[in-house]
Structure formats: C-alpha cells, structure tokens
N, C-alpha and C. Protein backbone atom coordinates (compact mmCIF):
# COMPACT_ATOMS: atom_id res chain seq x y z
N MET A 1 -9.00 14.64 -6.29
CA MET A 1 -8.45 13.80 -5.39
C MET A 1 -7.40 12.32 -5.42
N PRO A 2 -6.42 12.38 -4.56
CA PRO A 2 -5.24 11.69 -4.43
C PRO A 2 -5.53 10.08 -4.60
N SER A 3 -5.23 9.09 -5.34
CA SER A 3 -5.24 7.82 -5.35
C SER A 3 -4.91 6.82 -3.96
N PRO A 4 -5.43 6.23 -2.63
CA PRO A 4 -5.27 5.50 -1.96
C PRO A 4 -3.64 4.96 -1.35
N GLU A 5 -3.87 4.50 -2.89
CA GLU A 5 -1.96 4.10 -2.61
C GLU A 5 -1.40 5.41 -3.26
N GLY A 6 -1.02 6.12 -4.05
CA GLY A 6 -0.25 7.42 -3.83
C GLY A 6 0.06 8.14 -2.66
N THR A 7 -1.04 7.87 -2.05
CA THR A 7 -1.60 8.68 -0.19
C THR A 7 0.01 8.08 0.76
N ALA A 8 -0.46 6.63 0.32
CA ALA A 8 0.48 5.38 1.13
C ALA A 8 2.16 5.84 0.53
N ARG A 9 2.46 6.21 -0.63
CA ARG A 9 3.83 6.83 -1.27
C ARG A 9 3.88 7.34 -0.14
N ASP A 10 3.13 8.80 -0.47
CA ASP A 10 3.63 10.42 0.57
C ASP A 10 3.74 10.53 1.20
N ALA A 11 3.19 9.77 2.35
CA ALA A 11 3.28 9.30 3.17
C ALA A 11 4.73 7.77 3.71
N GLY A 12 5.25 7.25 3.06
CA GLY A 12 6.54 7.21 2.76
C GLY A 12 5.93 5.80 2.92
N VAL A 13 5.29 4.88 2.92
CA VAL A 13 5.44 3.64 2.57
C VAL A 13 5.87 3.17 0.91
N ASP A 14 6.85 2.89 1.57
CA ASP A 14 7.58 1.96 0.05
C ASP A 14 7.67 0.33 -0.83
N MET A 15 7.03 -0.54 0.06
CA MET A 15 6.12 -1.12 0.01
C MET A 15 4.68 -1.77 -0.28
N VAL A 16 3.86 -2.17 -0.88
CA VAL A 16 2.94 -3.26 -0.25
C VAL A 16 3.19 -4.45 -1.13
N VAL A 17 2.31 -4.97 -0.01
CA VAL A 17 2.32 -6.45 -0.09
C VAL A 17 1.18 -7.32 0.07
N ASN A 18 0.87 -7.74 -0.93
CA ASN A 18 -1.02 -7.80 -1.28
C ASN A 18 -0.96 -9.53 -0.44
N LEU A 19 -1.90 -9.82 -0.27
CA LEU A 19 -1.83 -11.25 0.51
C LEU A 19 -2.99 -11.65 0.02
N ARG A 20 -3.94 -11.34 -1.08
CA ARG A 20 -4.73 -11.77 -1.28
C ARG A 20 -5.06 -12.77 -2.01
N MET A 21 -5.69 -13.71 -2.92
CA MET A 21 -5.73 -14.76 -3.37
C MET A 21 -5.43 -14.11 -5.30
N ARG A 22 -5.39 -14.27 -5.86
CA ARG A 22 -4.59 -13.83 -7.25
C ARG A 22 -6.28 -13.70 -7.40
N ASN A 23 -6.77 -14.86 -7.41
CA ASN A 23 -8.91 -14.67 -7.70
C ASN A 23 -9.66 -13.64 -7.19
N GLU A 24 -9.30 -13.01 -6.08
CA GLU A 24 -9.58 -11.92 -5.70
C GLU A 24 -9.62 -10.86 -5.83
N ILE A 25 -8.28 -10.45 -6.41
CA ILE A 25 -8.66 -8.75 -7.14
C ILE A 25 -9.27 -9.15 -8.28
N ASP A 26 -9.62 -7.90 -9.13
CA ASP A 26 -9.94 -7.55 -10.04
C ASP A 26 -9.23 -7.12 -11.32
N TRP A 27 -8.46 -5.65 -10.48
CA TRP A 27 -7.53 -4.43 -11.09
C TRP A 27 -5.74 -5.21 -11.05
N ASN A 28 -4.89 -4.11 -11.38
CA ASN A 28 -3.67 -4.63 -11.77
C ASN A 28 -3.31 -3.33 -10.57
N GLU A 29 -3.37 -4.27 -9.17
CA GLU A 29 -2.36 -3.65 -8.40
C GLU A 29 -0.53 -4.02 -8.39
N LYS A 30 -0.50 -4.32 -9.12
CA LYS A 30 0.43 -4.37 -8.94
C LYS A 30 1.38 -3.22 -10.31
N SER A 31 0.90 -3.41 -11.46
CA SER A 31 0.97 -2.27 -12.15
C SER A 31 1.18 -0.76 -11.38
N VAL A 32 -0.21 -0.24 -10.47
CA VAL A 32 -0.95 1.10 -9.07
C VAL A 32 1.07 0.97 -9.06
N VAL A 33 0.69 0.26 -8.24
CA VAL A 33 2.23 0.27 -7.35
C VAL A 33 3.55 0.68 -7.88
N GLU A 34 3.93 -0.78 -8.94
CA GLU A 34 5.16 -0.16 -8.91
C GLU A 34 5.23 1.42 -9.59
N GLY A 35 4.07 1.60 -10.45
CA GLY A 35 3.76 3.37 -11.39
C GLY A 35 3.91 3.74 -10.68
N LEU A 36 3.79 3.50 -9.24
CA LEU A 36 3.88 4.56 -8.20
C LEU A 36 5.54 4.81 -7.27
N GLY A 37 6.34 3.58 -8.18
CA GLY A 37 7.68 4.08 -6.99
C GLY A 37 7.84 2.82 -6.55
N MET A 38 7.05 2.07 -5.96
CA MET A 38 7.25 1.56 -4.86
C MET A 38 7.32 0.13 -5.05
N ARG A 39 7.78 -0.64 -3.81
CA ARG A 39 8.13 -2.64 -4.77
C ARG A 39 6.39 -3.28 -4.72
N TYR A 40 6.28 -4.38 -5.29
CA TYR A 40 5.24 -4.76 -4.87
C TYR A 40 5.50 -6.52 -4.58
N VAL A 41 5.11 -6.58 -3.54
CA VAL A 41 5.35 -8.26 -3.47
C VAL A 41 3.80 -9.27 -3.21
N ASP A 42 4.13 -10.42 -3.60
CA ASP A 42 2.45 -10.79 -4.04
C ASP A 42 2.82 -12.25 -3.56
N ILE A 43 2.18 -12.11 -2.09
CA ILE A 43 2.33 -14.06 -1.33
C ILE A 43 0.86 -14.07 -0.52
N PRO A 44 0.14 -14.83 -1.87
CA PRO A 44 -0.51 -15.35 -2.01
C PRO A 44 -1.59 -16.33 -0.71
N VAL A 45 -2.81 -15.89 0.48
CA VAL A 45 -3.10 -16.20 1.15
C VAL A 45 -4.00 -16.99 1.10
N SER A 46 -4.50 -18.11 1.49
CA SER A 46 -5.87 -17.98 0.89
C SER A 46 -6.39 -17.97 2.64
N GLY A 47 -7.99 -17.92 2.29
CA GLY A 47 -8.63 -17.87 4.21
C GLY A 47 -9.67 -18.90 3.62
N ALA A 48 -9.33 -19.65 2.21
CA ALA A 48 -10.15 -21.16 3.41
C ALA A 48 -8.81 -21.79 3.27
N GLY A 49 -9.14 -23.22 4.87
CA GLY A 49 -8.18 -24.47 5.00
C GLY A 49 -7.17 -23.13 5.74
N PRO A 50 -6.16 -23.54 5.53
CA PRO A 50 -4.78 -23.77 6.76
C PRO A 50 -4.56 -22.24 6.87
N GLY A 51 -4.51 -21.40 5.46
CA GLY A 51 -4.89 -20.27 5.22
C GLY A 51 -3.13 -20.35 4.96
N PHE A 52 -2.18 -19.82 6.31
CA PHE A 52 -0.59 -19.82 5.76
C PHE A 52 -0.29 -20.59 5.90
N ASP A 53 0.56 -21.38 5.07
CA ASP A 53 1.32 -22.46 5.18
C ASP A 53 2.35 -22.41 4.99
N ARG A 54 3.38 -23.69 4.83
CA ARG A 54 5.27 -23.19 4.68
C ARG A 54 5.98 -22.05 4.55
N ALA A 55 5.07 -22.52 3.18
CA ALA A 55 5.68 -20.99 2.33
C ALA A 55 4.91 -19.70 2.76
N ALA A 56 4.34 -20.02 2.25
CA ALA A 56 3.70 -18.38 2.49
C ALA A 56 4.17 -17.89 3.72
N ILE A 57 4.55 -18.93 5.09
CA ILE A 57 5.44 -17.81 6.83
C ILE A 57 6.61 -17.75 6.04
N SER A 58 7.68 -18.19 5.82
CA SER A 58 8.98 -18.35 5.00
C SER A 58 8.92 -17.25 3.95
N SER A 59 8.19 -17.46 3.19
CA SER A 59 8.04 -15.82 1.73
C SER A 59 8.26 -14.55 2.83
N LEU A 60 7.20 -14.45 3.78
CA LEU A 60 6.85 -12.77 5.27
C LEU A 60 8.30 -13.17 6.05
N HIS A 61 8.44 -14.82 7.02
CA HIS A 61 9.80 -14.40 7.23
C HIS A 61 10.59 -13.58 6.76
N GLU A 62 11.67 -14.35 5.36
CA GLU A 62 12.65 -13.74 4.49
C GLU A 62 11.56 -12.32 4.86
N LEU A 63 11.27 -11.50 3.88
CA LEU A 63 10.98 -10.58 3.81
C LEU A 63 10.75 -9.98 4.66
N VAL A 64 10.79 -9.74 6.03
CA VAL A 64 11.19 -8.84 6.52
C VAL A 64 12.28 -9.11 6.82
N ALA A 65 13.40 -10.14 7.32
CA ALA A 65 14.19 -10.08 7.82
C ALA A 65 15.01 -9.49 6.24
N ASP A 66 14.52 -9.38 5.63
CA ASP A 66 15.60 -8.34 4.43
C ASP A 66 14.99 -6.58 4.34
N ASN A 67 14.44 -6.69 5.13
CA ASN A 67 13.61 -5.02 5.67
C ASN A 67 13.61 -4.39 7.07
N PRO A 68 13.81 -4.89 7.45
CA PRO A 68 14.23 -4.30 8.95
C PRO A 68 13.42 -2.75 9.09
N ASP A 69 13.28 -2.53 7.90
CA ASP A 69 12.34 -1.16 8.57
C ASP A 69 11.64 -1.08 8.13
C-alpha cells in the first residue's frame, strides 16, 4: 500500500507545509517528503496562545506569494 506522502506526490502535490510545533511530531517527516522529491517547509504554529504570530503569518504570506500555483 502506498504511503500518504507518496499518494500526495502522485496526485501532483509538490510541497508539504508543516504547521505543527517540533514537539508534536515523532518521526522525520522532512526526510520522507524530500525523499519523495517534494519540497518541505516548516512553519511552526502553536495551538496554545495566539497561534499565528507575525513571523508565521509573514512566512506563509511569502510562501504563497512565491508559489502562486
């Protein structure tokens, strides 16, 4: 059975954006994603407190502007 990441790649996904905090994942998602030939972007956003801070919003804005498709 194909992995969810491989299925996403086969469907045309070429970038994975991780919004989880680093302590919320216990496997190396970046290695898997990049190993499948996709781009991996890490923009940690805390679920507690304000969540999206100015830095996260700025990073997401820049990412969308640079990747309109």
